[in-house]
N, C-alpha and C. Protein backbone atom coordinates (compact mmCIF):
# COMPACT_ATOMS: atom_id res chain seq x y z
N UNK A 1 10.68 23.32 46.33
CA UNK A 1 11.42 23.58 45.19
C UNK A 1 10.55 23.86 43.99
N UNK A 2 10.96 24.72 43.20
CA UNK A 2 10.17 25.05 42.01
C UNK A 2 10.32 23.98 40.93
N UNK A 3 9.17 23.53 40.40
CA UNK A 3 9.23 22.32 39.36
C UNK A 3 10.01 22.77 38.20
N UNK A 4 10.05 24.01 38.03
CA UNK A 4 10.74 24.54 36.74
C UNK A 4 12.26 24.89 36.95
N UNK A 5 12.77 24.57 38.21
CA UNK A 5 14.13 25.00 38.45
C UNK A 5 15.01 24.14 37.61
N UNK A 6 16.05 24.91 37.00
CA UNK A 6 16.97 24.40 36.15
C UNK A 6 16.69 24.17 34.70
N UNK A 7 15.37 24.61 34.33
CA UNK A 7 14.96 24.73 32.98
C UNK A 7 15.31 26.05 32.32
N UNK A 8 15.63 26.04 31.21
CA UNK A 8 15.71 27.29 30.36
C UNK A 8 14.92 27.16 29.09
N UNK A 9 14.55 28.28 28.77
CA UNK A 9 13.51 28.37 27.57
C UNK A 9 14.32 28.22 26.13
N UNK A 10 13.69 27.40 25.27
CA UNK A 10 14.39 27.27 23.94
C UNK A 10 13.65 28.17 23.07
N UNK A 11 12.68 28.79 23.30
CA UNK A 11 11.83 29.66 22.60
C UNK A 11 11.39 31.00 23.23
N UNK A 12 11.82 32.01 22.71
CA UNK A 12 11.51 33.39 23.43
C UNK A 12 10.20 33.95 23.23
N UNK A 13 9.47 33.32 22.44
CA UNK A 13 8.05 33.80 22.09
C UNK A 13 7.94 34.82 21.10
N UNK A 14 9.16 35.40 20.58
CA UNK A 14 9.17 36.52 19.60
C UNK A 14 9.66 36.15 18.35
N UNK A 15 10.68 35.42 18.28
CA UNK A 15 11.43 34.93 17.00
C UNK A 15 11.96 33.59 17.17
N UNK A 16 12.68 33.21 16.14
CA UNK A 16 13.23 31.84 16.09
C UNK A 16 14.70 31.85 16.43
N UNK A 17 15.27 32.85 17.15
CA UNK A 17 16.68 32.88 17.61
C UNK A 17 17.00 31.52 18.29
N UNK A 18 18.03 30.97 18.02
CA UNK A 18 18.42 29.70 18.72
C UNK A 18 17.96 28.53 17.84
N UNK A 19 17.31 28.71 16.79
CA UNK A 19 16.85 27.63 15.99
C UNK A 19 17.36 27.82 14.60
N UNK A 20 17.49 26.50 13.97
CA UNK A 20 17.89 26.56 12.48
C UNK A 20 16.96 25.68 11.68
N UNK A 21 16.93 25.85 10.37
CA UNK A 21 16.23 24.96 9.45
C UNK A 21 15.13 25.76 8.62
N UNK A 22 13.96 25.18 8.58
CA UNK A 22 13.01 25.79 7.64
C UNK A 22 12.33 26.94 8.36
N UNK A 23 12.80 28.08 8.29
CA UNK A 23 12.16 29.30 8.80
C UNK A 23 11.04 29.87 7.87
N UNK A 24 10.94 29.33 6.64
CA UNK A 24 9.72 29.73 5.84
C UNK A 24 8.48 29.15 6.41
N UNK A 25 8.46 27.86 6.79
CA UNK A 25 7.35 27.15 7.25
C UNK A 25 6.99 27.42 8.70
N UNK A 26 8.07 27.46 9.43
CA UNK A 26 7.76 27.73 10.93
C UNK A 26 7.92 29.15 11.21
N UNK A 27 6.74 29.67 11.79
CA UNK A 27 6.77 31.21 12.03
C UNK A 27 6.29 31.31 13.39
N UNK A 28 6.56 32.62 13.96
CA UNK A 28 6.12 32.86 15.21
C UNK A 28 4.90 33.76 14.95
N UNK A 29 3.88 33.49 15.76
CA UNK A 29 2.51 34.27 15.66
C UNK A 29 1.96 34.26 17.15
N UNK A 30 1.65 35.33 17.59
CA UNK A 30 1.01 35.55 19.06
C UNK A 30 1.82 34.62 20.03
N UNK A 31 3.06 34.73 19.94
CA UNK A 31 3.74 34.00 21.15
C UNK A 31 3.91 32.43 20.86
N UNK A 32 3.49 31.94 19.75
CA UNK A 32 3.74 30.48 19.56
C UNK A 32 4.33 30.14 18.15
N UNK A 33 5.00 29.09 18.05
CA UNK A 33 5.53 28.67 16.83
C UNK A 33 4.45 27.93 15.93
N UNK A 34 4.24 28.37 14.82
CA UNK A 34 3.15 27.80 14.01
C UNK A 34 3.84 27.13 12.81
N UNK A 35 3.40 25.95 12.54
CA UNK A 35 3.95 25.37 11.24
C UNK A 35 3.03 25.65 10.21
N UNK A 36 3.47 26.51 9.27
CA UNK A 36 2.58 26.90 8.18
C UNK A 36 3.04 26.24 6.79
N UNK A 37 2.34 25.20 6.37
CA UNK A 37 2.83 24.40 5.25
C UNK A 37 2.84 25.32 3.94
N UNK A 38 2.11 26.46 3.87
CA UNK A 38 2.04 27.29 2.82
C UNK A 38 3.37 28.11 2.76
N UNK A 39 4.08 28.11 3.92
CA UNK A 39 5.37 28.93 3.91
C UNK A 39 6.47 28.34 2.96
N UNK A 40 6.25 27.14 2.45
CA UNK A 40 7.34 26.65 1.65
C UNK A 40 7.97 25.48 2.31
N UNK A 41 8.36 24.49 1.47
CA UNK A 41 9.10 23.30 2.05
C UNK A 41 8.31 22.32 2.76
N UNK A 42 7.01 22.45 2.58
CA UNK A 42 5.96 21.54 3.14
C UNK A 42 6.07 21.31 4.68
N UNK A 43 6.68 22.10 5.41
CA UNK A 43 6.87 21.89 6.88
C UNK A 43 8.40 21.71 7.04
N UNK A 44 8.94 20.68 6.71
CA UNK A 44 10.36 20.45 7.05
C UNK A 44 10.80 20.37 8.48
N UNK A 45 12.01 20.78 8.63
CA UNK A 45 12.49 20.55 10.02
C UNK A 45 12.91 21.99 10.60
N UNK A 46 12.70 22.05 11.87
CA UNK A 46 13.24 23.26 12.65
C UNK A 46 13.99 22.71 13.82
N UNK A 47 15.27 22.94 13.89
CA UNK A 47 16.20 22.29 14.97
C UNK A 47 16.75 23.38 15.74
N UNK A 48 17.10 22.86 17.05
CA UNK A 48 17.87 23.74 18.02
C UNK A 48 19.24 23.85 17.45
N UNK A 49 19.86 25.08 17.71
CA UNK A 49 21.21 25.27 17.23
C UNK A 49 22.16 24.44 18.09
N UNK A 50 21.87 24.19 19.39
CA UNK A 50 22.63 23.47 20.23
C UNK A 50 22.27 22.05 20.04
N UNK A 51 23.26 21.10 20.55
CA UNK A 51 23.07 19.62 20.75
C UNK A 51 22.83 19.23 22.13
N UNK A 52 22.00 18.25 22.40
CA UNK A 52 21.76 17.84 23.76
C UNK A 52 21.81 16.34 23.80
N UNK A 53 22.27 15.86 24.93
CA UNK A 53 22.52 14.34 25.16
C UNK A 53 21.37 14.04 26.13
N UNK A 54 21.51 13.88 27.30
CA UNK A 54 20.62 13.59 28.31
C UNK A 54 19.80 14.91 28.70
N UNK A 55 18.46 14.85 28.81
CA UNK A 55 17.64 16.01 29.07
C UNK A 55 16.25 15.78 29.41
N UNK A 56 15.60 16.75 29.92
CA UNK A 56 14.15 16.71 30.12
C UNK A 56 13.66 17.99 29.33
N UNK A 57 12.66 17.57 28.44
CA UNK A 57 12.22 18.65 27.56
C UNK A 57 10.64 18.74 27.88
N UNK A 58 10.26 19.99 28.09
CA UNK A 58 8.78 20.32 28.23
C UNK A 58 8.27 21.20 27.24
N UNK A 59 7.15 20.98 26.65
CA UNK A 59 6.63 21.87 25.64
C UNK A 59 5.11 21.59 25.59
N UNK A 60 4.39 22.59 25.02
CA UNK A 60 2.91 22.48 24.72
C UNK A 60 2.66 22.45 23.29
N UNK A 61 1.74 21.75 22.79
CA UNK A 61 1.40 21.67 21.38
C UNK A 61 -0.05 21.63 21.11
N UNK A 62 -0.49 22.13 20.04
CA UNK A 62 -1.96 22.09 19.61
C UNK A 62 -1.90 21.43 18.27
N UNK A 63 -2.79 20.49 18.08
CA UNK A 63 -2.98 19.87 16.85
C UNK A 63 -4.18 20.41 15.97
N UNK A 64 -4.18 20.23 14.82
CA UNK A 64 -5.34 20.55 13.89
C UNK A 64 -5.69 19.24 13.34
N UNK A 65 -6.96 19.11 12.87
CA UNK A 65 -7.37 17.83 12.44
C UNK A 65 -6.47 17.07 11.47
N UNK A 66 -6.20 15.78 11.68
CA UNK A 66 -5.29 15.16 10.93
C UNK A 66 -3.73 15.40 10.94
N UNK A 67 -3.40 16.36 11.88
CA UNK A 67 -1.99 16.77 11.80
C UNK A 67 -1.05 15.69 12.16
N UNK A 68 0.22 15.79 11.55
CA UNK A 68 1.31 14.92 11.66
C UNK A 68 2.45 15.72 11.77
N UNK A 69 3.21 15.57 12.83
CA UNK A 69 4.67 16.23 13.02
C UNK A 69 5.40 15.35 13.81
N UNK A 70 6.55 15.79 14.30
CA UNK A 70 7.37 14.91 15.01
C UNK A 70 8.36 15.68 15.92
N UNK A 71 8.85 14.91 16.93
CA UNK A 71 9.92 15.61 17.76
C UNK A 71 11.18 14.86 17.61
N UNK A 72 12.14 15.51 16.83
CA UNK A 72 13.35 14.75 16.77
C UNK A 72 14.27 14.93 17.79
N UNK A 73 14.91 13.97 18.36
CA UNK A 73 15.97 14.13 19.36
C UNK A 73 17.19 13.35 18.93
N UNK A 74 18.36 13.69 19.49
CA UNK A 74 19.73 13.23 19.10
C UNK A 74 19.88 13.26 17.49
N UNK A 75 19.29 14.29 16.87
CA UNK A 75 19.25 14.16 15.55
C UNK A 75 20.38 15.11 14.85
N UNK A 76 20.89 14.59 13.64
CA UNK A 76 21.68 15.52 12.89
C UNK A 76 20.99 16.55 12.23
N UNK A 77 21.54 17.39 11.63
CA UNK A 77 20.79 18.58 10.95
C UNK A 77 20.30 18.10 9.52
N UNK A 78 21.09 17.10 9.01
CA UNK A 78 20.73 16.59 7.64
C UNK A 78 20.08 15.19 7.65
N UNK A 79 19.30 14.95 6.83
CA UNK A 79 18.70 13.58 6.67
C UNK A 79 17.46 13.34 7.46
N UNK A 80 17.05 12.24 7.52
CA UNK A 80 15.77 11.79 8.09
C UNK A 80 16.08 11.48 9.65
N UNK A 81 15.52 12.39 10.37
CA UNK A 81 15.84 12.34 11.83
C UNK A 81 15.19 11.15 12.50
N UNK A 82 14.11 10.57 11.81
CA UNK A 82 13.48 9.41 12.44
C UNK A 82 14.47 8.12 12.44
N UNK A 83 15.34 8.19 11.46
CA UNK A 83 16.25 6.96 11.47
C UNK A 83 17.66 7.44 11.79
N UNK A 84 18.05 8.66 11.43
CA UNK A 84 19.46 9.08 11.72
C UNK A 84 19.59 9.60 13.13
N UNK A 85 18.33 9.94 13.75
CA UNK A 85 18.34 10.49 15.10
C UNK A 85 17.30 9.53 15.68
N UNK A 86 16.28 10.03 16.51
CA UNK A 86 15.04 9.32 16.99
C UNK A 86 13.98 10.22 16.79
N UNK A 87 12.74 9.73 16.45
CA UNK A 87 11.54 10.63 16.31
C UNK A 87 10.57 10.27 17.26
N UNK A 88 10.07 11.19 18.04
CA UNK A 88 8.81 10.95 18.91
C UNK A 88 7.65 11.57 18.13
N UNK A 89 6.76 10.62 17.90
CA UNK A 89 5.63 11.16 16.88
C UNK A 89 4.76 12.09 17.62
N UNK A 90 4.31 13.03 16.79
CA UNK A 90 3.26 14.06 17.25
C UNK A 90 2.12 14.05 16.19
N UNK A 91 1.06 13.52 16.52
CA UNK A 91 0.08 13.07 15.61
C UNK A 91 -1.44 13.17 16.20
N UNK A 92 -2.45 13.62 15.40
CA UNK A 92 -3.77 13.46 15.70
C UNK A 92 -4.20 12.06 15.67
N UNK A 93 -4.10 11.25 16.80
CA UNK A 93 -4.56 9.81 16.83
C UNK A 93 -6.04 9.59 16.33
N UNK A 94 -6.84 10.62 16.50
CA UNK A 94 -8.24 10.42 16.22
C UNK A 94 -8.68 10.55 14.76
N UNK A 95 -7.66 10.87 13.84
CA UNK A 95 -8.08 11.09 12.46
C UNK A 95 -8.29 9.74 11.78
N UNK A 96 -9.38 9.78 11.00
CA UNK A 96 -9.84 8.61 10.23
C UNK A 96 -8.65 8.12 9.44
N UNK A 97 -7.98 8.91 8.79
CA UNK A 97 -6.90 8.49 7.92
C UNK A 97 -5.79 7.86 8.63
N UNK A 98 -5.72 7.88 9.92
CA UNK A 98 -4.71 7.19 10.64
C UNK A 98 -5.12 5.93 11.24
N UNK A 99 -6.46 5.48 11.01
CA UNK A 99 -7.03 4.39 11.73
C UNK A 99 -6.33 3.11 11.74
N UNK A 100 -5.62 2.87 10.63
CA UNK A 100 -4.82 1.64 10.52
C UNK A 100 -3.28 1.65 10.63
N UNK A 101 -2.88 2.70 11.40
CA UNK A 101 -1.39 2.82 11.48
C UNK A 101 -0.94 1.55 12.28
N UNK A 102 0.50 1.37 12.32
CA UNK A 102 1.09 0.49 13.17
C UNK A 102 1.16 1.20 14.58
N UNK A 103 1.15 0.24 15.61
CA UNK A 103 1.06 0.97 16.96
C UNK A 103 2.24 1.83 17.22
N UNK A 104 3.40 1.65 16.68
CA UNK A 104 4.63 2.44 16.91
C UNK A 104 4.61 3.83 16.11
N UNK A 105 3.38 4.01 15.46
CA UNK A 105 3.23 5.37 14.67
C UNK A 105 2.35 6.36 15.29
N UNK A 106 1.71 5.95 16.38
CA UNK A 106 0.70 6.87 17.12
C UNK A 106 1.49 7.86 17.89
N UNK A 107 0.79 8.77 18.25
CA UNK A 107 1.34 10.03 19.26
C UNK A 107 2.17 9.60 20.44
N UNK A 108 3.36 10.07 20.50
CA UNK A 108 4.20 9.86 21.66
C UNK A 108 5.18 8.61 21.44
N UNK A 109 4.90 7.71 20.37
CA UNK A 109 5.64 6.64 20.11
C UNK A 109 7.09 7.11 19.65
N UNK A 110 8.12 6.25 20.17
CA UNK A 110 9.47 6.42 19.62
C UNK A 110 9.28 5.83 18.19
N UNK A 111 9.20 6.48 17.16
CA UNK A 111 8.92 6.00 15.90
C UNK A 111 9.69 4.61 15.46
N UNK A 112 8.93 3.62 15.25
CA UNK A 112 9.51 2.48 14.76
C UNK A 112 10.21 1.53 15.82
N UNK A 113 10.12 2.14 17.07
CA UNK A 113 10.82 1.34 18.06
C UNK A 113 10.07 1.05 19.31
N UNK A 114 9.35 2.13 19.94
CA UNK A 114 8.55 1.76 21.20
C UNK A 114 7.25 2.42 20.91
N UNK A 115 6.19 1.65 21.04
CA UNK A 115 4.78 2.24 20.99
C UNK A 115 4.37 2.82 22.17
N UNK A 116 3.63 3.93 21.89
CA UNK A 116 3.00 4.65 23.21
C UNK A 116 1.51 4.23 23.42
N UNK A 117 1.11 4.49 24.71
CA UNK A 117 -0.23 4.21 25.04
C UNK A 117 -1.10 5.32 24.43
N UNK A 118 -2.23 4.91 23.97
CA UNK A 118 -3.01 5.84 23.48
C UNK A 118 -4.22 6.27 24.30
N UNK A 119 -4.88 7.47 24.02
CA UNK A 119 -6.08 7.84 24.74
C UNK A 119 -5.78 8.97 25.76
N UNK A 120 -4.68 9.69 25.70
CA UNK A 120 -4.31 10.69 26.66
C UNK A 120 -4.25 12.00 25.94
N UNK A 121 -4.50 12.16 24.68
CA UNK A 121 -4.42 13.45 23.96
C UNK A 121 -5.61 14.17 24.30
N UNK A 122 -5.55 15.48 24.50
CA UNK A 122 -6.62 16.38 24.70
C UNK A 122 -7.42 16.42 23.25
N UNK A 123 -8.80 16.86 23.36
CA UNK A 123 -9.27 16.85 21.90
C UNK A 123 -8.67 17.87 21.00
N UNK A 124 -8.67 17.60 19.67
CA UNK A 124 -8.02 18.39 18.67
C UNK A 124 -8.27 19.85 18.85
N UNK A 125 -7.44 20.75 18.78
CA UNK A 125 -7.76 22.14 19.06
C UNK A 125 -7.38 22.58 20.34
N UNK A 126 -7.40 21.64 21.36
CA UNK A 126 -6.96 22.06 22.69
C UNK A 126 -5.48 21.89 22.89
N UNK A 127 -4.82 22.71 23.72
CA UNK A 127 -3.47 22.52 24.03
C UNK A 127 -3.16 21.24 24.89
N UNK A 128 -2.09 20.65 24.58
CA UNK A 128 -1.58 19.40 25.29
C UNK A 128 -0.12 19.88 25.91
N UNK A 129 0.16 19.18 27.09
CA UNK A 129 1.49 19.42 27.64
C UNK A 129 2.18 18.03 27.55
N UNK A 130 3.42 18.18 27.08
CA UNK A 130 4.29 16.87 27.06
C UNK A 130 5.59 17.11 27.58
N UNK A 131 6.14 16.13 28.22
CA UNK A 131 7.46 16.10 28.95
C UNK A 131 8.13 14.81 28.30
N UNK A 132 9.51 15.10 27.78
CA UNK A 132 10.21 13.93 27.30
C UNK A 132 11.54 13.90 28.16
N UNK A 133 11.69 12.84 28.69
CA UNK A 133 12.95 12.58 29.56
C UNK A 133 13.78 11.61 28.99
N UNK A 134 15.00 11.96 28.64
CA UNK A 134 16.01 11.13 28.04
C UNK A 134 17.20 10.93 28.87
N UNK A 135 17.49 9.68 29.28
CA UNK A 135 18.74 9.38 30.11
C UNK A 135 19.44 8.09 29.50
N UNK A 136 20.48 8.33 28.94
CA UNK A 136 21.21 7.29 28.19
C UNK A 136 20.20 6.73 27.18
N UNK A 137 19.96 5.36 27.24
CA UNK A 137 18.99 4.76 26.21
C UNK A 137 17.62 4.78 26.77
N UNK A 138 17.30 5.16 27.94
CA UNK A 138 16.09 5.14 28.47
C UNK A 138 15.28 6.43 28.05
N UNK A 139 14.02 6.32 27.89
CA UNK A 139 13.11 7.38 27.35
C UNK A 139 11.80 7.28 28.17
N UNK A 140 11.24 8.43 28.48
CA UNK A 140 10.01 8.50 29.10
C UNK A 140 9.18 9.68 28.46
N UNK A 141 7.98 9.45 28.04
CA UNK A 141 7.18 10.48 27.48
C UNK A 141 5.97 10.73 28.29
N UNK A 142 5.65 11.81 28.79
CA UNK A 142 4.51 12.06 29.74
C UNK A 142 3.71 13.05 28.98
N UNK A 143 2.45 12.71 28.67
CA UNK A 143 1.47 13.51 28.08
C UNK A 143 0.41 13.83 28.97
N UNK A 144 0.14 15.13 29.12
CA UNK A 144 -1.00 15.63 29.90
C UNK A 144 -0.88 14.94 31.34
N UNK A 145 0.27 14.67 31.87
CA UNK A 145 0.34 13.93 33.21
C UNK A 145 0.39 12.52 33.35
N UNK A 146 0.24 11.77 32.02
CA UNK A 146 0.28 10.43 32.04
C UNK A 146 1.52 9.88 31.40
N UNK A 147 2.29 8.89 31.89
CA UNK A 147 3.52 8.46 31.15
C UNK A 147 2.83 7.48 30.06
N UNK A 148 3.18 7.87 28.80
CA UNK A 148 2.57 6.93 27.75
C UNK A 148 3.72 6.12 27.11
N UNK A 149 4.96 6.48 27.37
CA UNK A 149 6.14 5.70 26.99
C UNK A 149 7.05 5.79 28.21
N UNK A 150 7.51 4.52 28.49
CA UNK A 150 8.50 4.41 29.66
C UNK A 150 9.34 3.16 29.28
N UNK A 151 10.46 3.34 28.43
CA UNK A 151 11.14 2.27 27.91
C UNK A 151 12.62 2.55 27.75
N UNK A 152 13.23 1.50 27.12
CA UNK A 152 14.66 1.54 26.98
C UNK A 152 14.90 1.30 25.33
N UNK A 153 15.37 2.34 24.72
CA UNK A 153 15.51 2.14 23.28
C UNK A 153 16.42 1.11 22.90
N UNK A 154 17.46 0.87 23.59
CA UNK A 154 18.43 -0.08 23.31
C UNK A 154 17.81 -1.56 23.49
N UNK A 155 17.12 -1.79 24.57
CA UNK A 155 16.52 -3.03 24.92
C UNK A 155 15.38 -3.24 23.85
N UNK A 156 14.60 -2.33 23.58
CA UNK A 156 13.42 -2.43 22.78
C UNK A 156 13.90 -2.81 21.31
N UNK A 157 15.18 -2.44 20.91
CA UNK A 157 15.60 -2.67 19.49
C UNK A 157 16.69 -3.96 19.35
N UNK A 158 16.84 -4.52 20.58
CA UNK A 158 18.01 -5.44 20.45
C UNK A 158 17.73 -6.61 19.52
N UNK A 159 16.53 -7.08 19.47
CA UNK A 159 16.24 -8.23 18.43
C UNK A 159 15.71 -7.50 17.10
N UNK A 160 15.94 -6.34 16.92
CA UNK A 160 15.57 -5.68 15.56
C UNK A 160 14.50 -4.70 16.01
N UNK A 161 14.32 -3.68 15.30
CA UNK A 161 13.36 -2.67 15.52
C UNK A 161 11.97 -3.16 14.99
N UNK A 162 10.90 -2.49 15.65
CA UNK A 162 9.61 -2.90 15.36
C UNK A 162 9.16 -2.67 13.88
N UNK A 163 9.76 -1.59 13.20
CA UNK A 163 9.47 -1.35 11.86
C UNK A 163 10.31 -2.08 10.79
N UNK A 164 11.25 -2.87 11.46
CA UNK A 164 12.16 -3.66 10.61
C UNK A 164 13.20 -2.80 9.76
N UNK A 165 13.32 -1.54 10.10
CA UNK A 165 14.24 -0.77 9.39
C UNK A 165 15.45 -0.49 10.21
N UNK A 166 16.57 -0.06 9.55
CA UNK A 166 17.88 0.19 10.27
C UNK A 166 17.70 1.64 10.84
N UNK A 167 17.98 1.72 12.12
CA UNK A 167 17.98 3.06 12.79
C UNK A 167 19.23 3.40 13.34
N UNK A 168 20.17 3.82 12.54
CA UNK A 168 21.59 4.09 12.94
C UNK A 168 21.65 5.20 14.07
N UNK A 169 20.42 5.97 14.10
CA UNK A 169 20.30 6.96 15.15
C UNK A 169 20.21 6.52 16.55
N UNK A 170 19.91 5.18 16.65
CA UNK A 170 20.02 4.56 18.00
C UNK A 170 21.25 4.57 18.72
N UNK A 171 22.27 4.69 17.90
CA UNK A 171 23.74 4.68 18.46
C UNK A 171 24.13 5.97 18.93
N UNK A 172 23.38 7.11 18.44
CA UNK A 172 23.71 8.47 18.86
C UNK A 172 23.25 8.78 20.33
N UNK A 173 24.14 9.43 20.93
CA UNK A 173 23.72 9.81 22.36
C UNK A 173 23.55 11.33 22.56
N UNK A 174 23.81 12.01 21.38
CA UNK A 174 23.45 13.31 21.56
C UNK A 174 23.23 13.91 20.13
N UNK A 175 22.69 15.08 20.05
CA UNK A 175 22.18 15.66 18.81
C UNK A 175 21.19 16.90 18.87
N UNK A 176 20.69 17.31 17.89
CA UNK A 176 19.70 18.30 17.97
C UNK A 176 18.33 17.85 18.22
N UNK A 177 17.60 18.88 18.90
CA UNK A 177 16.21 18.54 19.04
C UNK A 177 15.45 19.38 18.08
N UNK A 178 14.30 18.94 17.53
CA UNK A 178 13.59 19.65 16.60
C UNK A 178 12.24 19.13 16.24
N UNK A 179 11.59 19.98 15.51
CA UNK A 179 10.08 19.67 15.08
C UNK A 179 10.32 19.28 13.60
N UNK A 180 9.65 18.09 13.35
CA UNK A 180 9.79 17.42 11.94
C UNK A 180 8.37 17.50 11.36
N UNK A 181 8.29 18.50 10.43
CA UNK A 181 7.00 18.85 9.76
C UNK A 181 6.66 17.89 8.77
N UNK A 182 5.32 17.69 8.56
CA UNK A 182 4.77 16.83 7.38
C UNK A 182 3.80 17.56 6.64
N UNK A 183 3.79 18.96 6.51
CA UNK A 183 2.84 19.74 5.81
C UNK A 183 1.58 19.89 6.53
N UNK A 184 1.48 19.90 7.81
CA UNK A 184 0.26 20.09 8.55
C UNK A 184 0.51 21.33 9.56
N UNK A 185 -0.56 22.05 9.85
CA UNK A 185 -0.56 23.11 10.86
C UNK A 185 -0.52 22.59 12.25
N UNK A 186 0.55 22.90 12.94
CA UNK A 186 0.64 22.47 14.40
C UNK A 186 1.17 23.65 15.07
N UNK A 187 0.77 23.84 16.26
CA UNK A 187 1.34 25.05 17.05
C UNK A 187 2.21 24.52 18.33
N UNK A 188 3.15 25.27 18.66
CA UNK A 188 4.05 24.97 19.81
C UNK A 188 4.37 26.08 20.65
N UNK A 189 4.40 25.91 21.95
CA UNK A 189 4.77 27.01 22.81
C UNK A 189 5.31 26.51 24.09
N UNK A 190 5.84 27.46 24.78
CA UNK A 190 6.31 27.06 26.19
C UNK A 190 7.42 25.97 26.14
N UNK A 191 8.44 26.12 25.22
CA UNK A 191 9.36 24.98 25.17
C UNK A 191 10.48 25.29 26.05
N UNK A 192 10.81 24.42 26.97
CA UNK A 192 11.96 24.50 27.81
C UNK A 192 12.63 23.28 28.13
N UNK A 193 13.91 23.36 28.44
CA UNK A 193 14.78 22.17 28.49
C UNK A 193 15.67 22.25 29.77
N UNK A 194 15.95 21.08 30.30
CA UNK A 194 16.84 20.99 31.39
C UNK A 194 17.85 19.93 31.13
N UNK A 195 19.16 20.28 30.85
CA UNK A 195 20.20 19.26 30.40
C UNK A 195 20.58 18.46 31.65
């Protein structure tokens, strides 16, 4: 059986059809989505038009030194997706400026809720492959073939979240998927999903 069976592409490689949000900062160049902070709006968010509940998402990303972005899931179109939805961190873990982050802020972590294992990102500038599997409150993040998160968001937050903040998004079971820019150049390609 083809490992890609049942997946459909969220990005056609040519334009941002099917996406909504900051199309000034998110551009398509040479078949990849590039976050260009000079485009206006310091990065901002680019979301799928459609909403998704349980899914498997696969994509590739390329970081620049010190880059910070995020993958929003179950997110509304407005407001801070990290709290009103859930955010899976996309980050250059090796950057000096991030040496003292909390463990739930590093790449692949469900922000504020479940920390990811570190040490599986390819060197900055190389492409990484990531797979995010969401089933109910269970989430698995596989980076370059290694599961760096395998947890249950409800269980992990039942005695309170790690960051001590309210995350109303934990109650959401569906929403938009998107990239959450922080004013850094990051590239994405080969984005596909299976509901």
